[in-house]
Structure formats: structure tokens, C-alpha cells
Amino acid sequence: MSGDIEDKPQPLLEHLIELRQRLMWAVGAFFVAFLVCFYFAKHLFNILVLPFKWSVEWAGLTHRNVELIYTAPQEFFFTQIKVAMFSALVIAFPVIAQQVYKFVAPGLYKNERSAFLPFLIASPILFLIGAALVYFFFTPMVMWFFLSMEQGGGEGQVSIQLLPKVSEYLSLIMSLIFAFGLVFQLPVISSLLVRAGFITSQTLAEKRKYAIVIAFVVAAVLTPPDPVSQIGLALPAILLYEISIYTARLIERQRASASNAQDAENEVAATQGEAE
């Protein structure tokens, strides 16, 4: 087994030096990405406002301009910093993940590395799928829901229009992206737990009813207090839970096939040894 590990045992100081080097690369990548993203922060924020524009069109309010406000002098400046940090984290994630893998991989066996690497690739892809779902569908739906509460004014009514603050709009869309991105990690987390032997597909199937309740509770906590976003997060979470059960069964079948093949090889080897 020890031959499967490529590197030799290293003193603690060398591990700390290696950790410092990986952290410097990760922080450096984030810092460079942050500077670039801060330079284009206004353009990036305009891209994030597009779902709001789509919701205005869905609500049939094409006659009005899409406006956001800020009520404190420093508010939009800090909003741009948040946009730059959020974008920089997304851009620098491949470098950060690569440095994490390079630090951890030498201590893993070859079969562990082959199992760990696909999850490292699948995790950002699933996060981006969740973020895309938020950007192209759920954020416009949520904003359309809020726009439907407007009052046009007239006899006996005051005119009430939605004028979101830049910081609050950014917090809304970022919270939705992070909520959906984390929920979309469910197949990755469950697959890792199955490979580690902590859970089985049967356990996941038996706990399905509890998972449904937890999905709605988590959706109520992570999303704004409106039924559109809560149901919109809970339903994909339940679907991903079912996908996790299916993935767990595939992993168990692969493990059983590999175990049977190994037993067959051992039996053949034992038979040959007896014949000799």
C-alpha cells in the first residue's frame, strides 16, 4: 500500500512551507482577479441587474425605466467591492481548487486521488448550474413577484413603485446564488459520504421524508420570505436528493463489481498456487 503514495514522508516544517506556498498562489490569484473585477465592477453590476430588467418586461412595465438607488454616500462604493470580491472568487476558484488538490494529493493513494479529482471538477460545475438557474429564471421570477405588489395610483390610491437599493438587490441575488449553489452540491457530498462508508443508498431512501421537510426548512431560511423563491429552492433540492440516491446506488454497484472481480482474481491465484 505504501508504494501507492508517490511522495516520501516529510517533516512538519516542509508541510508548513508547502502550505504557505499554496496559500500564496491562491490568495495571489484572488487578489489579481479582484483588481480586474473592481475595475469592471460597474459593468459587472449592470450584468447582475439584467434579471431585474427581464422581470420588468414580464410584468408588462416596459414603459418605465429600471432604476436602483443608494441612500448613503459610500453604499454604491462598497457594493462595487462586494461585486468585485464575488466575481473574483468565481474566477479564481479553479486556481484555488488546484492548489488545494496539489497540497492534499501527495498524501492520498492513487485510488483515492482518482476518486477525489472527479468531485473536485463536478463541484464548481454544479455550483455554476445552480447560479445559472438563479440568474436566468428564479431572480426574474422573484423580482416579478415583488413588482406585482406595486400600486399605480389613482383615485383613492397612492402611487407605490419598487425602487430597490443597490446593496439590497446585490444581497438578494448573491444570497440566492449561494443558496442554490450550495444545494446543488448535494450529489457531491452524498457521493463522498457513500464512498467513505458513512451512509448507504438504503439510508438515503429511508430518510426521504425527513429530507423533504428539511429542504423546505432550509429554503425558508436561505431565501427571501416569498413563496416563489422558497418553493423554487425546495423543489430542486428534493430532485437533487433523488439524484443522490441514484448516484449512491451506482457507486455501490461499482464497488460490488470491483470486489467480486478482486475475489475472482484471488481465487484464481489460490488455485494456481495449489496446482504448483
Protein backbone atom coordinates (compact mmCIF):
# COMPACT_ATOMS: atom_id res chain seq x y z
CA MET A 1 0.00 0.00 0.00
CA SER A 2 2.81 2.40 0.81
CA GLY A 3 4.06 2.15 -2.76
CA ASP A 4 0.87 3.82 -3.96
CA ILE A 5 1.92 7.08 -2.32
CA GLU A 6 4.26 8.98 -4.58
CA ASP A 7 5.97 11.28 -2.10
CA LYS A 8 8.08 10.36 0.90
CA PRO A 9 7.25 11.29 4.48
CA GLN A 10 8.10 14.97 5.08
CA PRO A 11 8.87 16.86 8.28
CA LEU A 12 6.22 19.22 9.66
CA LEU A 13 8.25 22.28 8.60
CA GLU A 14 8.25 21.19 4.96
CA HIS A 15 4.48 20.70 5.11
CA LEU A 16 4.06 24.21 6.52
CA ILE A 17 6.29 25.65 3.79
CA GLU A 18 4.23 23.79 1.19
CA LEU A 19 1.01 25.11 2.76
CA ARG A 20 2.34 28.68 2.72
CA GLN A 21 3.25 28.35 -0.96
CA ARG A 22 -0.21 27.04 -1.88
CA LEU A 23 -1.90 29.79 0.14
CA MET A 24 0.23 32.45 -1.57
CA TRP A 25 -0.80 31.17 -5.01
CA ALA A 26 -4.47 31.03 -4.01
CA VAL A 27 -4.51 34.48 -2.37
CA GLY A 28 -2.47 35.95 -5.25
CA ALA A 29 -4.93 34.62 -7.83
CA PHE A 30 -7.85 36.04 -5.86
CA PHE A 31 -6.14 39.43 -5.43
CA VAL A 32 -5.32 39.78 -9.13
CA ALA A 33 -8.85 38.74 -10.08
CA PHE A 34 -10.24 41.22 -7.54
CA LEU A 35 -8.30 44.14 -9.03
CA VAL A 36 -9.51 43.31 -12.53
CA CYS A 37 -13.10 42.80 -11.37
CA PHE A 38 -13.10 46.02 -9.34
CA TYR A 39 -12.05 47.93 -12.45
CA PHE A 40 -15.09 46.49 -14.27
CA ALA A 41 -17.35 46.49 -11.18
CA LYS A 42 -19.98 48.79 -12.68
CA HIS A 43 -20.19 46.69 -15.83
CA LEU A 44 -20.50 43.52 -13.73
CA PHE A 45 -23.24 45.10 -11.63
CA ASN A 46 -25.11 46.05 -14.82
CA ILE A 47 -24.96 42.38 -15.84
CA LEU A 48 -26.43 41.38 -12.47
CA VAL A 49 -29.26 43.89 -13.00
CA LEU A 50 -30.37 42.17 -16.22
CA PRO A 51 -32.73 39.75 -14.37
CA PHE A 52 -34.46 42.80 -12.87
CA LYS A 53 -34.92 44.21 -16.38
CA TRP A 54 -36.39 40.91 -17.54
CA SER A 55 -38.83 40.88 -14.63
CA VAL A 56 -39.99 44.39 -15.59
CA GLU A 57 -40.73 43.11 -19.08
CA TRP A 58 -42.55 40.05 -17.68
CA ALA A 59 -44.68 42.35 -15.52
CA GLY A 60 -45.66 44.42 -18.58
CA LEU A 61 -43.95 47.57 -17.27
CA THR A 62 -41.83 48.26 -20.32
CA HIS A 63 -42.88 51.92 -20.23
CA ARG A 64 -40.85 52.59 -17.05
CA ASN A 65 -37.12 52.81 -16.63
CA VAL A 66 -35.28 50.29 -14.48
CA GLU A 67 -33.89 52.28 -11.58
CA LEU A 68 -31.89 51.40 -8.48
CA ILE A 69 -30.94 53.84 -5.76
CA TYR A 70 -28.43 54.22 -2.95
CA THR A 71 -29.16 56.25 0.15
CA ALA A 72 -25.71 56.52 1.72
CA PRO A 73 -22.71 58.18 0.01
CA GLN A 74 -20.49 55.12 0.46
CA GLU A 75 -23.16 52.50 -0.32
CA PHE A 76 -22.51 52.03 -4.02
CA PHE A 77 -18.73 52.01 -3.46
CA PHE A 78 -18.98 49.10 -1.01
CA THR A 79 -21.46 47.42 -3.33
CA GLN A 80 -18.82 47.53 -6.07
CA ILE A 81 -16.29 45.99 -3.67
CA LYS A 82 -18.73 43.14 -2.93
CA VAL A 83 -19.35 42.62 -6.64
CA ALA A 84 -15.60 42.51 -7.28
CA MET A 85 -14.99 40.05 -4.43
CA PHE A 86 -17.84 37.79 -5.54
CA SER A 87 -16.66 37.80 -9.17
CA ALA A 88 -13.02 37.33 -8.17
CA LEU A 89 -13.89 34.28 -6.08
CA VAL A 90 -15.68 32.72 -9.06
CA ILE A 91 -12.82 33.49 -11.46
CA ALA A 92 -10.04 32.42 -9.08
CA PHE A 93 -11.79 29.24 -7.90
CA PRO A 94 -10.06 26.94 -10.45
CA VAL A 95 -6.66 28.14 -9.21
CA ILE A 96 -7.71 27.83 -5.56
CA ALA A 97 -9.07 24.32 -6.14
CA GLN A 98 -5.90 23.34 -7.99
CA GLN A 99 -3.74 24.49 -5.08
CA VAL A 100 -5.91 22.57 -2.60
CA TYR A 101 -5.62 19.43 -4.71
CA LYS A 102 -1.84 19.79 -5.10
CA PHE A 103 -1.46 20.13 -1.33
CA VAL A 104 -3.71 17.17 -0.50
CA ALA A 105 -2.91 14.79 -3.40
CA PRO A 106 0.60 13.69 -2.29
CA GLY A 107 -0.91 12.22 0.88
CA LEU A 108 -3.52 10.20 -0.97
CA TYR A 109 -3.30 6.77 -2.54
CA LYS A 110 -3.74 6.51 -6.29
CA ASN A 111 -7.27 5.13 -6.00
CA GLU A 112 -8.16 7.94 -3.58
CA ARG A 113 -6.81 10.57 -5.99
CA SER A 114 -8.80 9.06 -8.85
CA ALA A 115 -11.93 9.23 -6.68
CA PHE A 116 -11.27 12.74 -5.33
CA LEU A 117 -10.48 14.50 -8.63
CA PRO A 118 -13.90 13.98 -10.34
CA PHE A 119 -15.66 15.51 -7.33
CA LEU A 120 -13.29 18.47 -7.43
CA ILE A 121 -14.33 19.04 -11.04
CA ALA A 122 -18.05 18.33 -10.52
CA SER A 123 -18.40 20.71 -7.56
CA PRO A 124 -17.83 24.02 -9.45
CA ILE A 125 -19.85 22.78 -12.43
CA LEU A 126 -22.86 22.03 -10.22
CA PHE A 127 -22.43 25.39 -8.47
CA LEU A 128 -22.47 27.18 -11.83
CA ILE A 129 -25.59 25.27 -12.88
CA GLY A 130 -27.33 26.43 -9.70
CA ALA A 131 -26.12 30.00 -10.24
CA ALA A 132 -27.35 29.97 -13.86
CA LEU A 133 -30.76 28.74 -12.71
CA VAL A 134 -30.93 31.65 -10.29
CA TYR A 135 -29.76 34.22 -12.83
CA PHE A 136 -31.92 33.24 -15.79
CA PHE A 137 -35.09 32.09 -14.03
CA PHE A 138 -35.54 32.50 -10.29
CA THR A 139 -34.28 36.06 -9.84
CA PRO A 140 -36.59 37.36 -12.58
CA MET A 141 -39.44 35.35 -11.03
CA VAL A 142 -38.74 36.75 -7.54
CA MET A 143 -38.50 40.33 -8.82
CA TRP A 144 -41.67 39.84 -10.87
CA PHE A 145 -43.42 38.71 -7.67
CA PHE A 146 -42.29 41.87 -5.86
CA LEU A 147 -43.20 44.09 -8.81
CA SER A 148 -46.73 42.68 -8.77
CA MET A 149 -47.27 44.43 -5.43
CA GLU A 150 -46.88 47.90 -6.92
CA GLN A 151 -49.76 50.41 -6.94
CA GLY A 152 -50.27 52.55 -9.99
CA GLY A 153 -52.02 55.32 -8.12
CA GLY A 154 -55.32 56.95 -8.99
CA GLU A 155 -58.50 57.79 -7.14
CA GLY A 156 -58.20 56.69 -3.53
CA GLN A 157 -54.73 55.18 -4.04
CA VAL A 158 -51.19 56.46 -3.73
CA SER A 159 -48.54 55.57 -6.28
CA ILE A 160 -46.21 52.90 -4.88
CA GLN A 161 -43.27 51.77 -7.01
CA LEU A 162 -40.38 49.42 -6.37
CA LEU A 163 -37.05 51.28 -6.21
CA PRO A 164 -34.54 48.76 -4.82
CA LYS A 165 -31.31 49.87 -3.22
CA VAL A 166 -28.15 48.68 -4.97
CA SER A 167 -26.86 46.97 -1.83
CA GLU A 168 -30.16 45.19 -1.11
CA TYR A 169 -30.54 44.00 -4.70
CA LEU A 170 -26.98 42.66 -4.67
CA SER A 171 -27.59 40.91 -1.33
CA LEU A 172 -30.74 39.32 -2.76
CA ILE A 173 -29.15 37.90 -5.89
CA MET A 174 -25.95 36.82 -4.08
CA SER A 175 -27.92 35.05 -1.33
CA LEU A 176 -29.96 33.21 -3.98
CA ILE A 177 -26.84 32.22 -5.93
CA PHE A 178 -25.08 30.92 -2.83
CA ALA A 179 -28.20 29.10 -1.62
CA PHE A 180 -28.76 27.34 -4.94
CA GLY A 181 -25.04 26.72 -5.41
CA LEU A 182 -24.76 25.03 -2.02
CA VAL A 183 -27.90 22.94 -2.55
CA PHE A 184 -26.54 21.76 -5.90
CA GLN A 185 -23.55 20.29 -4.02
CA LEU A 186 -25.85 17.64 -2.52
CA PRO A 187 -24.94 14.88 -5.04
CA VAL A 188 -21.22 15.56 -4.50
CA ILE A 189 -21.46 15.48 -0.70
CA SER A 190 -23.66 12.38 -0.62
CA SER A 191 -21.38 10.56 -3.08
CA LEU A 192 -18.33 11.32 -0.94
CA LEU A 193 -20.14 10.07 2.18
CA VAL A 194 -21.14 6.86 0.37
CA ARG A 195 -17.57 6.27 -0.82
CA ALA A 196 -16.33 6.85 2.73
CA GLY A 197 -18.87 4.34 4.04
CA PHE A 198 -20.75 6.74 6.32
CA ILE A 199 -24.10 6.32 4.55
CA THR A 200 -25.72 3.95 2.04
CA SER A 201 -28.31 4.36 -0.69
CA GLN A 202 -30.78 2.48 1.51
CA THR A 203 -30.25 5.00 4.32
CA LEU A 204 -30.86 7.90 1.91
CA ALA A 205 -34.03 6.26 0.61
CA GLU A 206 -35.36 5.59 4.11
CA LYS A 207 -34.76 9.20 5.18
CA ARG A 208 -36.51 10.66 2.12
CA LYS A 209 -39.50 12.06 4.04
CA TYR A 210 -37.22 13.84 6.50
CA ALA A 211 -35.17 15.22 3.62
CA ILE A 212 -38.28 16.76 2.07
CA VAL A 213 -39.14 18.57 5.30
CA ILE A 214 -35.54 19.74 5.75
CA ALA A 215 -35.48 21.00 2.14
CA PHE A 216 -38.43 23.33 2.79
CA VAL A 217 -36.99 24.47 6.13
CA VAL A 218 -33.59 25.25 4.59
CA ALA A 219 -35.29 27.04 1.68
CA ALA A 220 -37.24 29.19 4.14
CA VAL A 221 -34.01 30.14 5.94
CA LEU A 222 -31.76 30.76 2.93
CA THR A 223 -34.19 32.58 0.63
CA PRO A 224 -36.23 35.79 0.94
CA PRO A 225 -39.64 35.45 2.62
CA ASP A 226 -41.62 34.88 -0.56
CA PRO A 227 -43.17 31.60 -1.76
CA VAL A 228 -41.64 31.78 -5.24
CA SER A 229 -38.00 31.57 -4.15
CA GLN A 230 -38.72 29.15 -1.27
CA ILE A 231 -40.57 26.64 -3.45
CA GLY A 232 -38.06 27.28 -6.23
CA LEU A 233 -35.19 26.18 -3.96
CA ALA A 234 -37.01 23.32 -2.19
CA LEU A 235 -38.11 21.52 -5.37
CA PRO A 236 -34.59 21.34 -6.93
CA ALA A 237 -33.25 20.22 -3.54
CA ILE A 238 -35.71 17.32 -3.48
CA LEU A 239 -34.83 16.41 -7.08
CA LEU A 240 -31.11 16.51 -6.25
CA TYR A 241 -31.76 14.26 -3.25
CA GLU A 242 -33.31 11.68 -5.58
CA ILE A 243 -30.29 12.03 -7.89
CA SER A 244 -28.06 11.46 -4.85
CA ILE A 245 -29.86 8.19 -4.11
CA TYR A 246 -29.37 7.05 -7.71
CA THR A 247 -25.69 8.07 -7.64
CA ALA A 248 -25.17 6.22 -4.35
CA ARG A 249 -26.61 3.05 -5.86
CA LEU A 250 -24.26 3.34 -8.85
CA ILE A 251 -21.26 3.72 -6.54
CA GLU A 252 -22.34 0.69 -4.51
CA ARG A 253 -22.75 -1.38 -7.68
CA GLN A 254 -19.28 -0.36 -8.90
CA ARG A 255 -17.82 -1.22 -5.50
CA ALA A 256 -19.55 -4.62 -5.51
CA SER A 257 -18.33 -5.36 -9.06
CA ALA A 258 -14.77 -4.40 -8.14
CA SER A 259 -14.96 -6.56 -5.01
CA ASN A 260 -16.27 -9.55 -6.98
CA ALA A 261 -13.53 -9.14 -9.58
CA GLN A 262 -10.89 -8.98 -6.84
CA ASP A 263 -12.31 -12.11 -5.19
CA ALA A 264 -12.23 -13.91 -8.54
CA GLU A 265 -8.57 -12.92 -9.07
CA ASN A 266 -7.67 -14.10 -5.57
CA GLU A 267 -9.44 -17.42 -6.17
CA VAL A 268 -7.62 -17.92 -9.48
CA ALA A 269 -4.31 -17.11 -7.83
CA ALA A 270 -5.01 -19.51 -4.99
CA THR A 271 -5.94 -22.27 -7.46
CA GLN A 272 -2.75 -21.75 -9.44
CA GLY A 273 -0.73 -21.82 -6.23
CA GLU A 274 -2.26 -25.13 -5.20
CA ALA A 275 -1.63 -26.60 -8.70
CA GLU A 276 2.05 -25.63 -8.49
